[in-house]
């Protein structure tokens, strides 16, 4: 049940601090969200490439992806083996 005689202006004046707090908290949350999005854009790292296997349209075969691991292993083998 609601009160039979409500004065909206009087109630708005009485609830002004609470309404200000709710609006203020919404503004703070929006600022934090925007700050988080900016932080993600600045400090996130993009993937170095597409690691999903690629399928050749003509043959339907899966193309071999070069992950760089083979080159790194080859370079390590060359540096760790003594030259003769």
C-alpha atoms as a PDB file:
ATOM      1  CA  UNK A   1       0.000   0.000   0.000  1.00  0.00           C
ATOM      2  CA  UNK A   2       1.183   3.484  -0.724  1.00  0.00           C
ATOM      3  CA  UNK A   3       0.616   6.642   1.248  1.00  0.00           C
ATOM      4  CA  UNK A   4      -2.552   8.477   0.195  1.00  0.00           C
ATOM      5  CA  UNK A   5      -0.929  11.914   0.181  1.00  0.00           C
ATOM      6  CA  UNK A   6       2.507  11.990  -1.396  1.00  0.00           C
ATOM      7  CA  UNK A   7       4.347  15.162  -2.145  1.00  0.00           C
ATOM      8  CA  UNK A   8       6.910  14.265  -4.818  1.00  0.00           C
ATOM      9  CA  UNK A   9       8.972  17.451  -4.390  1.00  0.00           C
ATOM     10  CA  UNK A  10       9.184  16.970  -0.620  1.00  0.00           C
ATOM     11  CA  UNK A  11      10.167  13.295  -0.995  1.00  0.00           C
ATOM     12  CA  UNK A  12      12.772  14.192  -3.605  1.00  0.00           C
ATOM     13  CA  UNK A  13      14.337  16.691  -1.195  1.00  0.00           C
ATOM     14  CA  UNK A  14      14.375  14.086   1.583  1.00  0.00           C
ATOM     15  CA  UNK A  15      15.998  11.446  -0.631  1.00  0.00           C
ATOM     16  CA  UNK A  16      18.478  13.799  -2.292  1.00  0.00           C
ATOM     17  CA  UNK A  17      21.593  12.351  -0.524  1.00  0.00           C
ATOM     18  CA  UNK A  18      20.617   8.784  -1.395  1.00  0.00           C
ATOM     19  CA  UNK A  19      19.880   9.655  -5.021  1.00  0.00           C
ATOM     20  CA  UNK A  20      23.195  11.536  -5.241  1.00  0.00           C
ATOM     21  CA  UNK A  21      25.000   8.473  -3.873  1.00  0.00           C
ATOM     22  CA  UNK A  22      23.399   6.144  -6.400  1.00  0.00           C
ATOM     23  CA  UNK A  23      24.183   8.459  -9.313  1.00  0.00           C
ATOM     24  CA  UNK A  24      27.709   8.997  -8.031  1.00  0.00           C
ATOM     25  CA  UNK A  25      28.381   5.273  -7.734  1.00  0.00           C
ATOM     26  CA  UNK A  26      27.161   4.726 -11.283  1.00  0.00           C
ATOM     27  CA  UNK A  27      29.578   7.413 -12.517  1.00  0.00           C
ATOM     28  CA  UNK A  28      32.467   5.857 -10.566  1.00  0.00           C
ATOM     29  CA  UNK A  29      31.756   2.386 -11.987  1.00  0.00           C
ATOM     30  CA  UNK A  30      31.601   3.780 -15.534  1.00  0.00           C
ATOM     31  CA  UNK A  31      34.929   5.594 -15.044  1.00  0.00           C
ATOM     32  CA  UNK A  32      36.542   2.422 -13.702  1.00  0.00           C
ATOM     33  CA  UNK A  33      35.198   0.427 -16.648  1.00  0.00           C
ATOM     34  CA  UNK A  34      36.540   2.934 -19.187  1.00  0.00           C
ATOM     35  CA  UNK A  35      39.895   2.957 -17.369  1.00  0.00           C
ATOM     36  CA  UNK A  36      40.012  -0.833 -17.474  1.00  0.00           C
ATOM     37  CA  UNK A  37      39.290  -0.848 -21.221  1.00  0.00           C
ATOM     38  CA  UNK A  38      42.075   1.687 -21.803  1.00  0.00           C
ATOM     39  CA  UNK A  39      44.460  -0.370 -19.656  1.00  0.00           C
ATOM     40  CA  UNK A  40      43.631  -3.494 -21.669  1.00  0.00           C
ATOM     41  CA  UNK A  41      44.223  -1.664 -24.943  1.00  0.00           C
ATOM     42  CA  UNK A  42      47.608  -0.339 -23.808  1.00  0.00           C
ATOM     43  CA  UNK A  43      49.047  -3.343 -21.969  1.00  0.00           C
ATOM     44  CA  UNK A  44      47.555  -6.315 -23.780  1.00  0.00           C
ATOM     45  CA  UNK A  45      49.668  -8.352 -26.144  1.00  0.00           C
ATOM     46  CA  UNK A  46      48.386  -9.281 -29.544  1.00  0.00           C
ATOM     47  CA  UNK A  47      48.842 -12.832 -30.758  1.00  0.00           C
ATOM     48  CA  UNK A  48      51.902 -13.295 -32.947  1.00  0.00           C
ATOM     49  CA  UNK A  49      49.986 -14.966 -35.702  1.00  0.00           C
ATOM     50  CA  UNK A  50      47.176 -17.209 -36.617  1.00  0.00           C
ATOM     51  CA  UNK A  51      48.057 -20.629 -35.196  1.00  0.00           C
ATOM     52  CA  UNK A  52      45.031 -22.350 -36.645  1.00  0.00           C
ATOM     53  CA  UNK A  53      45.785 -24.775 -39.464  1.00  0.00           C
ATOM     54  CA  UNK A  54      45.036 -23.390 -42.909  1.00  0.00           C
ATOM     55  CA  UNK A  55      43.263 -25.536 -45.477  1.00  0.00           C
ATOM     56  CA  UNK A  56      44.219 -25.188 -49.133  1.00  0.00           C
ATOM     57  CA  UNK A  57      41.038 -24.438 -51.109  1.00  0.00           C
ATOM     58  CA  UNK A  58      42.206 -26.263 -54.241  1.00  0.00           C
ATOM     59  CA  UNK A  59      43.467 -29.512 -52.733  1.00  0.00           C
ATOM     60  CA  UNK A  60      41.706 -29.588 -49.374  1.00  0.00           C
ATOM     61  CA  UNK A  61      44.982 -30.422 -47.627  1.00  0.00           C
ATOM     62  CA  UNK A  62      46.048 -28.864 -44.366  1.00  0.00           C
ATOM     63  CA  UNK A  63      49.019 -26.558 -44.843  1.00  0.00           C
ATOM     64  CA  UNK A  64      51.875 -26.892 -42.381  1.00  0.00           C
ATOM     65  CA  UNK A  65      52.207 -23.921 -40.037  1.00  0.00           C
ATOM     66  CA  UNK A  66      55.658 -22.606 -39.151  1.00  0.00           C
ATOM     67  CA  UNK A  67      55.555 -21.904 -35.435  1.00  0.00           C
ATOM     68  CA  UNK A  68      59.154 -20.801 -35.231  1.00  0.00           C
ATOM     69  CA  UNK A  69      59.948 -23.675 -32.877  1.00  0.00           C
ATOM     70  CA  UNK A  70      61.805 -25.545 -35.607  1.00  0.00           C
ATOM     71  CA  UNK A  71      63.968 -22.520 -36.342  1.00  0.00           C
ATOM     72  CA  UNK A  72      64.682 -22.054 -32.638  1.00  0.00           C
ATOM     73  CA  UNK A  73      65.622 -25.726 -32.219  1.00  0.00           C
ATOM     74  CA  UNK A  74      67.889 -25.556 -35.272  1.00  0.00           C
ATOM     75  CA  UNK A  75      69.584 -22.439 -33.928  1.00  0.00           C
ATOM     76  CA  UNK A  76      70.101 -24.035 -30.519  1.00  0.00           C
ATOM     77  CA  UNK A  77      71.599 -27.159 -32.090  1.00  0.00           C
ATOM     78  CA  UNK A  78      74.045 -25.065 -34.076  1.00  0.00           C
ATOM     79  CA  UNK A  79      75.171 -23.060 -31.043  1.00  0.00           C
ATOM     80  CA  UNK A  80      75.436 -26.014 -28.637  1.00  0.00           C
ATOM     81  CA  UNK A  81      77.415 -28.343 -30.942  1.00  0.00           C
ATOM     82  CA  UNK A  82      81.132 -27.657 -31.002  1.00  0.00           C
ATOM     83  CA  UNK A  83      82.532 -26.806 -34.395  1.00  0.00           C
ATOM     84  CA  UNK A  84      85.046 -29.286 -35.796  1.00  0.00           C
END
